Amino acid sequence: MAVADAFDEQCDYLFKAVLIGDSGVGKSNLISRFAKDEFRLDSKPTIGVEFAYRNIKVRDKLIKAQIWDTAGQERFRAITSSYYRGALGAMLVYDITKRATFVNVGKWLHELREFGGEDMVVVLVGNKSDLDQSRQVEREEGKVVAETEELCFMETSALQNLNVDEAFLEMITKIHDIISQKSLETKMNGTALNLPSGKEIHIADEVTATKQAKYCCS
């Protein structure tokens, strides 16, 4: 996967996010669709970790989203656990046509909460919604898990480019809102907000934000 240039000075934030889930659920194609508007039918399992960038405007701030593709195959699990460090968001992907990938959502959530940050924004994504005739996981099942675990939820199709941008934008916007809220909370102290990933953000008077809702669904 091609990697874009490093952090641009004109960007206000650099947010790191990871995609997790079983191998074959379509994580690489979701990233390719989001970052380059590309889809490969011959996409092969990711070996190790790859990442891509895309700049996005959120609430008048320019954000460079650094999206990491964390290999879902079990033998790489020890390698990828270190890549949760510094991530502000995670997209947990399952394949709606393979129930086993949905059953394993609980295992991925356990790992995420063990290695990820306390305020990490998590979006549960049921991918391959274009294959509705082969569906093994009902949309309502995904919504129930998301509500129970206080996650965002969306079904996507990387092939047809359905809800891909929307899912990433949901995650990135909520990360931004959390960072903005923390900025407000530290503003009175005149301190600087150090992000786990990206540059140091100094508090500006014009920062405004609302508290992030824990559960969202689309």
N, C-alpha and C. Protein backbone atom coordinates (compact mmCIF):
# COMPACT_ATOMS: atom_id res chain seq x y z
N MET A 1 0.84 -1.19 0.00
CA MET A 1 0.00 0.00 0.00
C MET A 1 0.87 1.24 0.00
N ALA A 2 0.60 2.15 -0.88
CA ALA A 2 1.39 3.36 -0.96
C ALA A 2 1.13 4.22 0.27
N VAL A 3 2.19 4.87 0.73
CA VAL A 3 2.09 5.71 1.91
C VAL A 3 2.30 7.15 1.50
N ALA A 4 1.41 8.03 1.94
CA ALA A 4 1.52 9.44 1.59
C ALA A 4 2.64 10.08 2.38
N ASP A 5 2.91 11.35 2.08
CA ASP A 5 3.98 12.04 2.77
C ASP A 5 3.64 12.21 4.24
N ALA A 6 4.65 12.61 5.03
CA ALA A 6 4.48 12.71 6.47
C ALA A 6 3.61 13.91 6.83
N PHE A 7 3.59 14.22 8.11
CA PHE A 7 2.69 15.26 8.61
C PHE A 7 2.92 16.59 7.92
N ASP A 8 1.83 17.19 7.42
CA ASP A 8 1.91 18.49 6.77
C ASP A 8 1.80 19.58 7.82
N GLU A 9 2.64 20.61 7.67
CA GLU A 9 2.62 21.70 8.64
C GLU A 9 1.28 22.41 8.68
N GLN A 10 0.57 22.43 7.54
CA GLN A 10 -0.70 23.15 7.52
C GLN A 10 -1.82 22.39 8.22
N CYS A 11 -1.58 21.13 8.55
CA CYS A 11 -2.59 20.35 9.26
C CYS A 11 -2.64 20.75 10.73
N ASP A 12 -3.84 20.75 11.29
CA ASP A 12 -4.00 21.10 12.70
C ASP A 12 -3.76 19.90 13.61
N TYR A 13 -4.10 18.71 13.13
CA TYR A 13 -3.95 17.50 13.93
C TYR A 13 -3.47 16.34 13.06
N LEU A 14 -2.80 15.40 13.71
CA LEU A 14 -2.51 14.10 13.11
C LEU A 14 -3.14 13.05 14.01
N PHE A 15 -4.13 12.34 13.49
CA PHE A 15 -4.82 11.31 14.26
C PHE A 15 -4.45 9.93 13.73
N LYS A 16 -4.01 9.07 14.62
CA LYS A 16 -3.74 7.68 14.25
C LYS A 16 -4.95 6.82 14.61
N ALA A 17 -5.36 5.98 13.66
CA ALA A 17 -6.45 5.03 13.90
C ALA A 17 -6.05 3.69 13.30
N VAL A 18 -6.59 2.61 13.86
CA VAL A 18 -6.27 1.27 13.39
C VAL A 18 -7.53 0.55 12.94
N LEU A 19 -7.38 -0.32 11.95
CA LEU A 19 -8.45 -1.23 11.56
C LEU A 19 -8.11 -2.60 12.10
N ILE A 20 -9.06 -3.22 12.77
CA ILE A 20 -8.84 -4.55 13.34
C ILE A 20 -10.00 -5.45 12.95
N GLY A 21 -9.80 -6.74 13.13
CA GLY A 21 -10.80 -7.73 12.75
C GLY A 21 -10.14 -8.91 12.08
N ASP A 22 -10.89 -9.96 11.87
CA ASP A 22 -10.35 -11.17 11.27
C ASP A 22 -9.81 -10.93 9.87
N SER A 23 -8.91 -11.81 9.45
CA SER A 23 -8.38 -11.75 8.09
C SER A 23 -9.50 -12.02 7.08
N GLY A 24 -9.50 -11.26 6.00
CA GLY A 24 -10.46 -11.49 4.93
C GLY A 24 -11.76 -10.72 5.04
N VAL A 25 -11.89 -9.85 6.05
CA VAL A 25 -13.14 -9.11 6.21
C VAL A 25 -13.18 -7.85 5.34
N GLY A 26 -12.04 -7.49 4.75
CA GLY A 26 -12.01 -6.35 3.84
C GLY A 26 -11.37 -5.09 4.39
N LYS A 27 -10.53 -5.23 5.40
CA LYS A 27 -9.89 -4.06 6.01
C LYS A 27 -9.03 -3.29 5.02
N SER A 28 -8.20 -4.01 4.26
CA SER A 28 -7.30 -3.35 3.31
C SER A 28 -8.07 -2.59 2.24
N ASN A 29 -9.16 -3.18 1.76
CA ASN A 29 -9.96 -2.50 0.74
C ASN A 29 -10.72 -1.31 1.31
N LEU A 30 -11.11 -1.36 2.56
CA LEU A 30 -11.73 -0.20 3.18
C LEU A 30 -10.75 0.97 3.23
N ILE A 31 -9.50 0.68 3.60
CA ILE A 31 -8.49 1.73 3.64
C ILE A 31 -8.19 2.24 2.24
N SER A 32 -8.05 1.33 1.28
CA SER A 32 -7.77 1.74 -0.11
C SER A 32 -8.89 2.61 -0.67
N ARG A 33 -10.13 2.23 -0.35
CA ARG A 33 -11.27 3.02 -0.83
C ARG A 33 -11.28 4.40 -0.17
N PHE A 34 -11.00 4.44 1.11
CA PHE A 34 -11.01 5.71 1.84
C PHE A 34 -9.86 6.63 1.42
N ALA A 35 -8.66 6.07 1.33
CA ALA A 35 -7.47 6.89 1.08
C ALA A 35 -7.25 7.20 -0.39
N LYS A 36 -7.59 6.24 -1.28
CA LYS A 36 -7.27 6.41 -2.71
C LYS A 36 -8.44 6.18 -3.64
N ASP A 37 -9.61 5.88 -3.08
CA ASP A 37 -10.80 5.56 -3.86
C ASP A 37 -10.51 4.42 -4.83
N GLU A 38 -9.86 3.38 -4.31
CA GLU A 38 -9.52 2.20 -5.10
C GLU A 38 -10.08 0.94 -4.44
N PHE A 39 -10.34 -0.07 -5.26
CA PHE A 39 -10.77 -1.37 -4.76
C PHE A 39 -10.11 -2.45 -5.60
N ARG A 40 -9.54 -3.45 -4.92
CA ARG A 40 -8.87 -4.55 -5.63
C ARG A 40 -9.56 -5.86 -5.32
N LEU A 41 -10.07 -6.51 -6.36
CA LEU A 41 -10.72 -7.81 -6.17
C LEU A 41 -9.71 -8.88 -5.77
N ASP A 42 -8.45 -8.68 -6.14
CA ASP A 42 -7.42 -9.67 -5.83
C ASP A 42 -6.64 -9.31 -4.58
N SER A 43 -7.24 -8.51 -3.71
CA SER A 43 -6.57 -8.09 -2.48
C SER A 43 -6.11 -9.31 -1.67
N LYS A 44 -4.85 -9.29 -1.26
CA LYS A 44 -4.27 -10.41 -0.52
C LYS A 44 -4.20 -10.07 0.97
N PRO A 45 -4.14 -11.10 1.84
CA PRO A 45 -4.03 -10.84 3.28
C PRO A 45 -2.83 -9.96 3.60
N THR A 46 -3.03 -9.00 4.50
CA THR A 46 -1.95 -8.11 4.89
C THR A 46 -0.94 -8.86 5.74
N ILE A 47 0.34 -8.66 5.43
CA ILE A 47 1.41 -9.26 6.22
C ILE A 47 2.05 -8.14 7.03
N GLY A 48 1.97 -8.25 8.36
CA GLY A 48 2.48 -7.17 9.18
C GLY A 48 1.47 -6.04 9.24
N VAL A 49 1.96 -4.80 9.10
CA VAL A 49 1.10 -3.63 9.19
C VAL A 49 1.42 -2.65 8.08
N GLU A 50 0.38 -2.13 7.44
CA GLU A 50 0.53 -1.08 6.44
C GLU A 50 -0.34 0.09 6.86
N PHE A 51 -0.03 1.28 6.33
CA PHE A 51 -0.88 2.41 6.66
C PHE A 51 -0.93 3.40 5.51
N ALA A 52 -1.95 4.24 5.55
CA ALA A 52 -2.15 5.26 4.52
C ALA A 52 -2.67 6.53 5.18
N TYR A 53 -2.58 7.64 4.45
CA TYR A 53 -3.03 8.93 4.97
C TYR A 53 -4.15 9.51 4.11
N ARG A 54 -4.95 10.37 4.75
CA ARG A 54 -5.87 11.22 4.01
C ARG A 54 -6.17 12.46 4.84
N ASN A 55 -6.14 13.61 4.21
CA ASN A 55 -6.47 14.86 4.89
C ASN A 55 -7.98 15.09 4.83
N ILE A 56 -8.55 15.47 5.96
CA ILE A 56 -9.99 15.69 6.06
C ILE A 56 -10.26 16.97 6.83
N LYS A 57 -11.25 17.73 6.39
CA LYS A 57 -11.66 18.94 7.10
C LYS A 57 -12.79 18.59 8.06
N VAL A 58 -12.58 18.86 9.34
CA VAL A 58 -13.58 18.60 10.36
C VAL A 58 -13.74 19.84 11.23
N ARG A 59 -14.92 20.41 11.24
CA ARG A 59 -15.21 21.59 12.05
C ARG A 59 -14.13 22.67 11.90
N ASP A 60 -13.83 23.01 10.66
CA ASP A 60 -12.86 24.06 10.31
C ASP A 60 -11.42 23.72 10.68
N LYS A 61 -11.14 22.47 11.00
CA LYS A 61 -9.78 22.03 11.28
C LYS A 61 -9.35 21.02 10.22
N LEU A 62 -8.10 21.14 9.77
CA LEU A 62 -7.58 20.18 8.79
C LEU A 62 -6.87 19.06 9.53
N ILE A 63 -7.37 17.86 9.35
CA ILE A 63 -6.86 16.69 10.06
C ILE A 63 -6.22 15.72 9.08
N LYS A 64 -5.00 15.29 9.41
CA LYS A 64 -4.37 14.22 8.64
C LYS A 64 -4.68 12.91 9.36
N ALA A 65 -5.49 12.08 8.74
CA ALA A 65 -5.84 10.79 9.31
C ALA A 65 -4.81 9.75 8.87
N GLN A 66 -4.17 9.14 9.83
CA GLN A 66 -3.18 8.09 9.58
C GLN A 66 -3.85 6.76 9.94
N ILE A 67 -4.21 5.99 8.93
CA ILE A 67 -4.99 4.78 9.13
C ILE A 67 -4.10 3.55 8.97
N TRP A 68 -4.03 2.75 10.02
CA TRP A 68 -3.19 1.56 10.04
C TRP A 68 -4.02 0.31 9.78
N ASP A 69 -3.52 -0.54 8.91
CA ASP A 69 -4.15 -1.83 8.60
C ASP A 69 -3.45 -2.90 9.42
N THR A 70 -4.07 -3.32 10.50
CA THR A 70 -3.47 -4.30 11.40
C THR A 70 -3.88 -5.70 10.99
N ALA A 71 -2.91 -6.55 10.71
CA ALA A 71 -3.18 -7.89 10.20
C ALA A 71 -4.09 -8.66 11.15
N GLY A 72 -5.10 -9.33 10.59
CA GLY A 72 -6.07 -10.05 11.40
C GLY A 72 -5.71 -11.50 11.64
N GLN A 73 -4.71 -12.00 10.93
CA GLN A 73 -4.36 -13.41 11.10
C GLN A 73 -3.75 -13.64 12.47
N GLU A 74 -4.12 -14.73 13.09
CA GLU A 74 -3.75 -14.99 14.48
C GLU A 74 -2.24 -14.97 14.72
N ARG A 75 -1.46 -15.44 13.75
CA ARG A 75 -0.02 -15.52 13.97
C ARG A 75 0.64 -14.16 14.02
N PHE A 76 -0.05 -13.10 13.59
CA PHE A 76 0.53 -11.76 13.66
C PHE A 76 0.01 -10.98 14.86
N ARG A 77 -0.83 -11.58 15.69
CA ARG A 77 -1.47 -10.85 16.78
C ARG A 77 -0.46 -10.21 17.73
N ALA A 78 0.65 -10.92 18.02
CA ALA A 78 1.65 -10.36 18.93
C ALA A 78 2.33 -9.15 18.33
N ILE A 79 2.48 -9.14 17.00
CA ILE A 79 3.12 -8.00 16.33
C ILE A 79 2.19 -6.79 16.37
N THR A 80 0.94 -7.00 16.03
CA THR A 80 0.03 -5.87 15.88
C THR A 80 -0.37 -5.24 17.21
N SER A 81 -0.25 -5.96 18.31
CA SER A 81 -0.67 -5.40 19.59
C SER A 81 0.07 -4.11 19.91
N SER A 82 1.33 -4.00 19.50
CA SER A 82 2.11 -2.79 19.77
C SER A 82 1.60 -1.60 18.98
N TYR A 83 0.87 -1.84 17.91
CA TYR A 83 0.40 -0.75 17.06
C TYR A 83 -0.86 -0.08 17.60
N TYR A 84 -1.44 -0.63 18.64
CA TYR A 84 -2.55 0.06 19.29
C TYR A 84 -2.05 1.31 20.02
N ARG A 85 -0.77 1.29 20.41
CA ARG A 85 -0.21 2.39 21.18
C ARG A 85 -0.28 3.68 20.38
N GLY A 86 -0.86 4.70 20.97
CA GLY A 86 -0.94 5.99 20.30
C GLY A 86 -2.15 6.15 19.40
N ALA A 87 -2.93 5.10 19.22
CA ALA A 87 -4.11 5.19 18.36
C ALA A 87 -5.25 5.87 19.12
N LEU A 88 -5.90 6.79 18.45
CA LEU A 88 -7.03 7.51 19.04
C LEU A 88 -8.37 6.93 18.61
N GLY A 89 -8.34 6.09 17.58
CA GLY A 89 -9.57 5.48 17.08
C GLY A 89 -9.31 4.10 16.53
N ALA A 90 -10.38 3.31 16.46
CA ALA A 90 -10.27 1.96 15.89
C ALA A 90 -11.56 1.63 15.16
N MET A 91 -11.40 0.96 14.03
CA MET A 91 -12.53 0.46 13.27
C MET A 91 -12.47 -1.06 13.35
N LEU A 92 -13.47 -1.66 14.01
CA LEU A 92 -13.51 -3.11 14.21
C LEU A 92 -14.43 -3.68 13.13
N VAL A 93 -13.82 -4.42 12.20
CA VAL A 93 -14.54 -4.85 11.00
C VAL A 93 -14.86 -6.34 11.04
N TYR A 94 -16.09 -6.67 10.66
CA TYR A 94 -16.46 -8.07 10.44
C TYR A 94 -17.12 -8.18 9.07
N ASP A 95 -17.23 -9.40 8.58
CA ASP A 95 -17.82 -9.69 7.27
C ASP A 95 -19.24 -10.19 7.50
N ILE A 96 -20.23 -9.48 6.95
CA ILE A 96 -21.63 -9.88 7.21
C ILE A 96 -21.97 -11.24 6.61
N THR A 97 -21.11 -11.76 5.72
CA THR A 97 -21.37 -13.07 5.10
C THR A 97 -20.63 -14.20 5.81
N LYS A 98 -19.88 -13.89 6.86
CA LYS A 98 -19.13 -14.91 7.60
C LYS A 98 -19.38 -14.71 9.10
N ARG A 99 -20.26 -15.51 9.64
CA ARG A 99 -20.67 -15.31 11.03
C ARG A 99 -19.50 -15.43 12.01
N ALA A 100 -18.54 -16.28 11.69
CA ALA A 100 -17.39 -16.46 12.59
C ALA A 100 -16.66 -15.14 12.84
N THR A 101 -16.61 -14.28 11.82
CA THR A 101 -15.92 -12.99 11.99
C THR A 101 -16.68 -12.08 12.94
N PHE A 102 -18.00 -12.25 13.01
CA PHE A 102 -18.82 -11.48 13.94
C PHE A 102 -18.68 -12.04 15.35
N VAL A 103 -18.64 -13.36 15.47
CA VAL A 103 -18.45 -14.00 16.77
C VAL A 103 -17.14 -13.55 17.40
N ASN A 104 -16.12 -13.34 16.57
CA ASN A 104 -14.80 -12.95 17.07
C ASN A 104 -14.70 -11.48 17.44
N VAL A 105 -15.75 -10.71 17.23
CA VAL A 105 -15.74 -9.29 17.60
C VAL A 105 -15.40 -9.13 19.09
N GLY A 106 -15.94 -10.01 19.92
CA GLY A 106 -15.68 -9.93 21.35
C GLY A 106 -14.21 -10.08 21.69
N LYS A 107 -13.52 -10.98 20.99
CA LYS A 107 -12.08 -11.17 21.23
C LYS A 107 -11.30 -9.92 20.84
N TRP A 108 -11.68 -9.33 19.70
CA TRP A 108 -10.99 -8.11 19.26
C TRP A 108 -11.25 -6.96 20.22
N LEU A 109 -12.46 -6.86 20.74
CA LEU A 109 -12.76 -5.81 21.70
C LEU A 109 -11.94 -5.98 22.97
N HIS A 110 -11.79 -7.22 23.41
CA HIS A 110 -10.99 -7.49 24.61
C HIS A 110 -9.55 -7.04 24.39
N GLU A 111 -8.99 -7.38 23.24
CA GLU A 111 -7.61 -6.98 22.93
C GLU A 111 -7.50 -5.47 22.83
N LEU A 112 -8.48 -4.86 22.19
CA LEU A 112 -8.47 -3.41 22.02
C LEU A 112 -8.48 -2.69 23.36
N ARG A 113 -9.29 -3.17 24.28
CA ARG A 113 -9.39 -2.52 25.58
C ARG A 113 -8.19 -2.82 26.47
N GLU A 114 -7.48 -3.90 26.14
CA GLU A 114 -6.26 -4.21 26.88
C GLU A 114 -5.11 -3.32 26.44
N PHE A 115 -5.00 -3.08 25.14
CA PHE A 115 -3.86 -2.34 24.60
C PHE A 115 -4.18 -0.90 24.19
N GLY A 116 -5.46 -0.59 23.97
CA GLY A 116 -5.83 0.74 23.48
C GLY A 116 -6.03 1.74 24.60
N GLY A 117 -6.17 3.01 24.22
CA GLY A 117 -6.39 4.07 25.18
C GLY A 117 -7.81 4.08 25.72
N GLU A 118 -7.98 4.70 26.88
CA GLU A 118 -9.28 4.71 27.55
C GLU A 118 -10.34 5.46 26.75
N ASP A 119 -9.95 6.54 26.08
CA ASP A 119 -10.91 7.36 25.34
C ASP A 119 -10.96 7.03 23.85
N MET A 120 -10.45 5.88 23.46
CA MET A 120 -10.42 5.53 22.05
C MET A 120 -11.83 5.43 21.47
N VAL A 121 -12.01 6.05 20.31
CA VAL A 121 -13.29 5.97 19.61
C VAL A 121 -13.31 4.68 18.78
N VAL A 122 -14.35 3.88 18.94
CA VAL A 122 -14.43 2.60 18.25
C VAL A 122 -15.70 2.55 17.39
N VAL A 123 -15.52 2.21 16.12
CA VAL A 123 -16.64 2.04 15.21
C VAL A 123 -16.71 0.57 14.80
N LEU A 124 -17.84 -0.06 15.06
CA LEU A 124 -18.07 -1.44 14.63
C LEU A 124 -18.62 -1.40 13.21
N VAL A 125 -17.95 -2.09 12.29
CA VAL A 125 -18.31 -2.03 10.87
C VAL A 125 -18.63 -3.42 10.34
N GLY A 126 -19.84 -3.57 9.81
CA GLY A 126 -20.20 -4.79 9.10
C GLY A 126 -19.95 -4.57 7.62
N ASN A 127 -18.87 -5.14 7.10
CA ASN A 127 -18.48 -4.90 5.71
C ASN A 127 -19.10 -5.92 4.75
N LYS A 128 -19.05 -5.59 3.46
CA LYS A 128 -19.57 -6.41 2.36
C LYS A 128 -21.10 -6.42 2.33
N SER A 129 -21.69 -5.25 2.60
CA SER A 129 -23.15 -5.15 2.60
C SER A 129 -23.74 -5.34 1.20
N ASP A 130 -22.89 -5.31 0.17
CA ASP A 130 -23.35 -5.57 -1.19
C ASP A 130 -23.73 -7.04 -1.39
N LEU A 131 -23.27 -7.91 -0.49
CA LEU A 131 -23.56 -9.35 -0.59
C LEU A 131 -24.72 -9.73 0.33
N ASP A 132 -25.77 -8.95 0.28
CA ASP A 132 -26.89 -9.14 1.20
C ASP A 132 -27.53 -10.52 1.05
N GLN A 133 -27.49 -11.07 -0.16
CA GLN A 133 -28.10 -12.38 -0.40
C GLN A 133 -27.33 -13.49 0.31
N SER A 134 -26.09 -13.22 0.69
CA SER A 134 -25.27 -14.21 1.40
C SER A 134 -25.10 -13.86 2.88
N ARG A 135 -25.90 -12.95 3.35
CA ARG A 135 -25.78 -12.44 4.72
C ARG A 135 -25.95 -13.54 5.76
N GLN A 136 -25.02 -13.58 6.74
CA GLN A 136 -25.13 -14.48 7.88
C GLN A 136 -25.29 -13.72 9.20
N VAL A 137 -25.08 -12.41 9.13
CA VAL A 137 -25.21 -11.55 10.32
C VAL A 137 -26.22 -10.45 10.01
N GLU A 138 -27.32 -10.43 10.74
CA GLU A 138 -28.33 -9.41 10.50
C GLU A 138 -27.84 -8.05 11.01
N ARG A 139 -28.28 -7.01 10.34
CA ARG A 139 -27.90 -5.65 10.72
C ARG A 139 -28.25 -5.37 12.18
N GLU A 140 -29.40 -5.84 12.61
CA GLU A 140 -29.85 -5.58 13.98
C GLU A 140 -28.91 -6.20 15.00
N GLU A 141 -28.29 -7.33 14.65
CA GLU A 141 -27.33 -7.97 15.57
C GLU A 141 -26.13 -7.07 15.79
N GLY A 142 -25.64 -6.46 14.71
CA GLY A 142 -24.52 -5.54 14.85
C GLY A 142 -24.89 -4.34 15.69
N LYS A 143 -26.09 -3.82 15.48
CA LYS A 143 -26.56 -2.65 16.24
C LYS A 143 -26.66 -2.97 17.73
N VAL A 144 -27.13 -4.18 18.06
CA VAL A 144 -27.27 -4.57 19.46
C VAL A 144 -25.90 -4.63 20.14
N VAL A 145 -24.92 -5.24 19.47
CA VAL A 145 -23.57 -5.31 20.03
C VAL A 145 -23.00 -3.91 20.22
N ALA A 146 -23.19 -3.06 19.22
CA ALA A 146 -22.66 -1.69 19.30
C ALA A 146 -23.30 -0.93 20.46
N GLU A 147 -24.59 -1.08 20.63
CA GLU A 147 -25.28 -0.39 21.73
C GLU A 147 -24.82 -0.92 23.07
N THR A 148 -24.69 -2.23 23.18
CA THR A 148 -24.26 -2.85 24.43
C THR A 148 -22.85 -2.42 24.82
N GLU A 149 -21.96 -2.36 23.83
CA GLU A 149 -20.55 -2.05 24.09
C GLU A 149 -20.24 -0.56 23.94
N GLU A 150 -21.26 0.25 23.66
CA GLU A 150 -21.10 1.70 23.50
C GLU A 150 -20.14 2.03 22.36
N LEU A 151 -20.42 1.45 21.20
CA LEU A 151 -19.63 1.68 20.00
C LEU A 151 -20.49 2.40 18.97
N CYS A 152 -19.84 3.02 18.00
CA CYS A 152 -20.55 3.46 16.82
C CYS A 152 -20.77 2.24 15.93
N PHE A 153 -21.73 2.30 15.02
CA PHE A 153 -22.00 1.16 14.15
C PHE A 153 -22.40 1.61 12.76
N MET A 154 -21.89 0.88 11.76
CA MET A 154 -22.26 1.15 10.38
C MET A 154 -22.00 -0.08 9.53
N GLU A 155 -22.85 -0.32 8.54
CA GLU A 155 -22.56 -1.35 7.54
C GLU A 155 -22.00 -0.66 6.30
N THR A 156 -21.00 -1.29 5.69
CA THR A 156 -20.31 -0.69 4.55
C THR A 156 -20.14 -1.69 3.42
N SER A 157 -19.83 -1.15 2.25
CA SER A 157 -19.39 -1.96 1.12
C SER A 157 -18.21 -1.25 0.48
N ALA A 158 -17.01 -1.82 0.67
CA ALA A 158 -15.83 -1.24 0.02
C ALA A 158 -15.94 -1.39 -1.49
N LEU A 159 -16.56 -2.48 -1.95
CA LEU A 159 -16.72 -2.71 -3.39
C LEU A 159 -17.57 -1.62 -4.04
N GLN A 160 -18.71 -1.33 -3.45
CA GLN A 160 -19.64 -0.35 -4.01
C GLN A 160 -19.45 1.05 -3.43
N ASN A 161 -18.47 1.19 -2.54
CA ASN A 161 -18.19 2.48 -1.90
C ASN A 161 -19.42 3.02 -1.16
N LEU A 162 -20.04 2.16 -0.38
CA LEU A 162 -21.20 2.54 0.41
C LEU A 162 -20.81 2.75 1.87
N ASN A 163 -21.02 3.94 2.38
CA ASN A 163 -20.79 4.29 3.78
C ASN A 163 -19.33 4.22 4.22
N VAL A 164 -18.40 4.10 3.28
CA VAL A 164 -16.98 4.01 3.66
C VAL A 164 -16.50 5.35 4.21
N ASP A 165 -16.66 6.41 3.43
CA ASP A 165 -16.27 7.74 3.92
C ASP A 165 -17.03 8.09 5.19
N GLU A 166 -18.32 7.75 5.22
CA GLU A 166 -19.14 8.09 6.38
C GLU A 166 -18.63 7.42 7.65
N ALA A 167 -18.20 6.17 7.55
CA ALA A 167 -17.69 5.46 8.73
C ALA A 167 -16.40 6.08 9.24
N PHE A 168 -15.49 6.39 8.33
CA PHE A 168 -14.23 7.01 8.74
C PHE A 168 -14.47 8.42 9.29
N LEU A 169 -15.35 9.17 8.63
CA LEU A 169 -15.62 10.53 9.08
C LEU A 169 -16.27 10.53 10.46
N GLU A 170 -17.14 9.56 10.72
CA GLU A 170 -17.76 9.43 12.04
C GLU A 170 -16.69 9.26 13.10
N MET A 171 -15.75 8.37 12.85
CA MET A 171 -14.68 8.10 13.81
C MET A 171 -13.79 9.33 14.01
N ILE A 172 -13.36 9.94 12.92
CA ILE A 172 -12.43 11.06 13.00
C ILE A 172 -13.08 12.28 13.65
N THR A 173 -14.35 12.51 13.35
CA THR A 173 -15.06 13.64 13.96
C THR A 173 -15.17 13.47 15.46
N LYS A 174 -15.46 12.26 15.91
CA LYS A 174 -15.59 12.02 17.34
C LYS A 174 -14.24 12.11 18.05
N ILE A 175 -13.17 11.68 17.37
CA ILE A 175 -11.83 11.88 17.94
C ILE A 175 -11.57 13.37 18.11
N HIS A 176 -11.88 14.14 17.08
CA HIS A 176 -11.68 15.59 17.14
C HIS A 176 -12.45 16.20 18.30
N ASP A 177 -13.69 15.77 18.50
CA ASP A 177 -14.51 16.33 19.57
C ASP A 177 -13.95 16.01 20.95
N ILE A 178 -13.41 14.81 21.11
CA ILE A 178 -12.79 14.44 22.38
C ILE A 178 -11.55 15.30 22.63
N ILE A 179 -10.71 15.46 21.61
CA ILE A 179 -9.51 16.29 21.75
C ILE A 179 -9.89 17.73 22.06
N SER A 180 -10.91 18.24 21.40
CA SER A 180 -11.35 19.61 21.64
C SER A 180 -11.87 19.77 23.07
N GLN A 181 -12.59 18.77 23.55
CA GLN A 181 -13.10 18.83 24.91
C GLN A 181 -11.96 18.82 25.91
N LYS A 182 -10.95 18.00 25.66
CA LYS A 182 -9.79 17.98 26.55
C LYS A 182 -9.05 19.31 26.51
N SER A 183 -9.04 19.94 25.34
CA SER A 183 -8.41 21.25 25.21
C SER A 183 -9.11 22.27 26.11
N LEU A 184 -10.43 22.22 26.11
CA LEU A 184 -11.19 23.13 26.96
C LEU A 184 -10.89 22.88 28.43
N GLU A 185 -10.77 21.61 28.79
CA GLU A 185 -10.55 21.26 30.20
C GLU A 185 -9.18 21.68 30.70
N THR A 186 -8.20 21.78 29.79
CA THR A 186 -6.84 22.17 30.19
C THR A 186 -6.56 23.64 29.92
N LYS A 187 -7.48 24.33 29.28
CA LYS A 187 -7.27 25.71 28.86
C LYS A 187 -6.98 26.63 30.04
N MET A 188 -7.72 26.48 31.12
CA MET A 188 -7.57 27.36 32.27
C MET A 188 -6.19 27.27 32.90
N ASN A 189 -5.53 26.14 32.71
CA ASN A 189 -4.20 25.94 33.27
C ASN A 189 -3.10 26.50 32.38
N GLY A 190 -3.45 26.90 31.16
CA GLY A 190 -2.45 27.41 30.24
C GLY A 190 -1.45 26.36 29.82
N THR A 191 -1.87 25.11 29.83
CA THR A 191 -0.96 24.01 29.49
C THR A 191 -1.10 23.63 28.03
N ALA A 192 -0.30 22.67 27.60
CA ALA A 192 -0.38 22.16 26.24
C ALA A 192 -0.94 20.76 26.26
N LEU A 193 -1.69 20.44 25.24
CA LEU A 193 -2.29 19.11 25.11
C LEU A 193 -1.37 18.24 24.28
N ASN A 194 -0.85 17.18 24.87
CA ASN A 194 0.03 16.28 24.15
C ASN A 194 -0.76 15.09 23.65
N LEU A 195 -0.85 14.94 22.34
CA LEU A 195 -1.57 13.82 21.75
C LEU A 195 -0.67 12.60 21.68
N PRO A 196 -1.21 11.40 21.86
CA PRO A 196 -0.42 10.19 21.70
C PRO A 196 0.18 10.07 20.31
N SER A 197 -0.53 10.60 19.31
CA SER A 197 -0.03 10.54 17.94
C SER A 197 -0.19 11.91 17.32
N GLY A 198 0.89 12.44 16.76
CA GLY A 198 0.79 13.75 16.12
C GLY A 198 1.59 14.79 16.87
N LYS A 199 1.39 16.05 16.51
CA LYS A 199 2.18 17.12 17.09
C LYS A 199 1.55 17.62 18.38
N GLU A 200 2.31 18.40 19.13
CA GLU A 200 1.80 18.99 20.36
C GLU A 200 0.82 20.10 20.00
N ILE A 201 -0.34 20.08 20.62
CA ILE A 201 -1.37 21.06 20.32
C ILE A 201 -1.47 22.04 21.48
N HIS A 202 -1.22 23.32 21.22
CA HIS A 202 -1.36 24.33 22.25
C HIS A 202 -2.79 24.87 22.26
N ILE A 203 -3.27 25.20 23.41
CA ILE A 203 -4.66 25.58 23.57
C ILE A 203 -4.89 26.98 23.04
N ALA A 204 -5.90 27.11 22.18
CA ALA A 204 -6.24 28.41 21.60
C ALA A 204 -7.57 28.87 22.17
N ASP A 205 -7.75 30.20 22.26
CA ASP A 205 -8.96 30.76 22.85
C ASP A 205 -10.21 30.38 22.07
N GLU A 206 -10.05 30.18 20.75
CA GLU A 206 -11.24 29.96 19.94
C GLU A 206 -11.73 28.52 19.94
N VAL A 207 -11.05 27.63 20.66
CA VAL A 207 -11.46 26.23 20.66
C VAL A 207 -12.84 26.08 21.29
N THR A 208 -13.74 25.45 20.56
CA THR A 208 -15.07 25.15 21.09
C THR A 208 -15.42 23.72 20.72
N ALA A 209 -16.17 23.08 21.58
CA ALA A 209 -16.55 21.69 21.29
C ALA A 209 -17.71 21.30 22.18
N THR A 210 -18.35 20.24 21.82
CA THR A 210 -19.38 19.65 22.65
C THR A 210 -18.92 18.27 23.05
N LYS A 211 -19.44 17.78 24.15
CA LYS A 211 -19.03 16.45 24.62
C LYS A 211 -19.45 15.39 23.62
N GLN A 212 -18.59 14.40 23.47
CA GLN A 212 -18.83 13.33 22.51
C GLN A 212 -19.87 12.36 23.05
N ALA A 213 -20.84 11.99 22.19
CA ALA A 213 -21.82 10.97 22.57
C ALA A 213 -21.15 9.62 22.46
N LYS A 214 -21.35 8.76 23.46
CA LYS A 214 -20.66 7.48 23.47
C LYS A 214 -21.19 6.52 22.42
N TYR A 215 -22.48 6.57 22.18
CA TYR A 215 -23.05 5.60 21.25
C TYR A 215 -23.62 6.30 20.04
N CYS A 216 -23.31 5.79 18.88
CA CYS A 216 -23.87 6.35 17.65
C CYS A 216 -24.18 5.20 16.72
N CYS A 217 -25.11 5.42 15.85
CA CYS A 217 -25.52 4.35 14.95
C CYS A 217 -26.04 4.94 13.67
N SER A 218 -25.71 4.29 12.56
CA SER A 218 -26.20 4.77 11.28
C SER A 218 -26.71 3.60 10.45
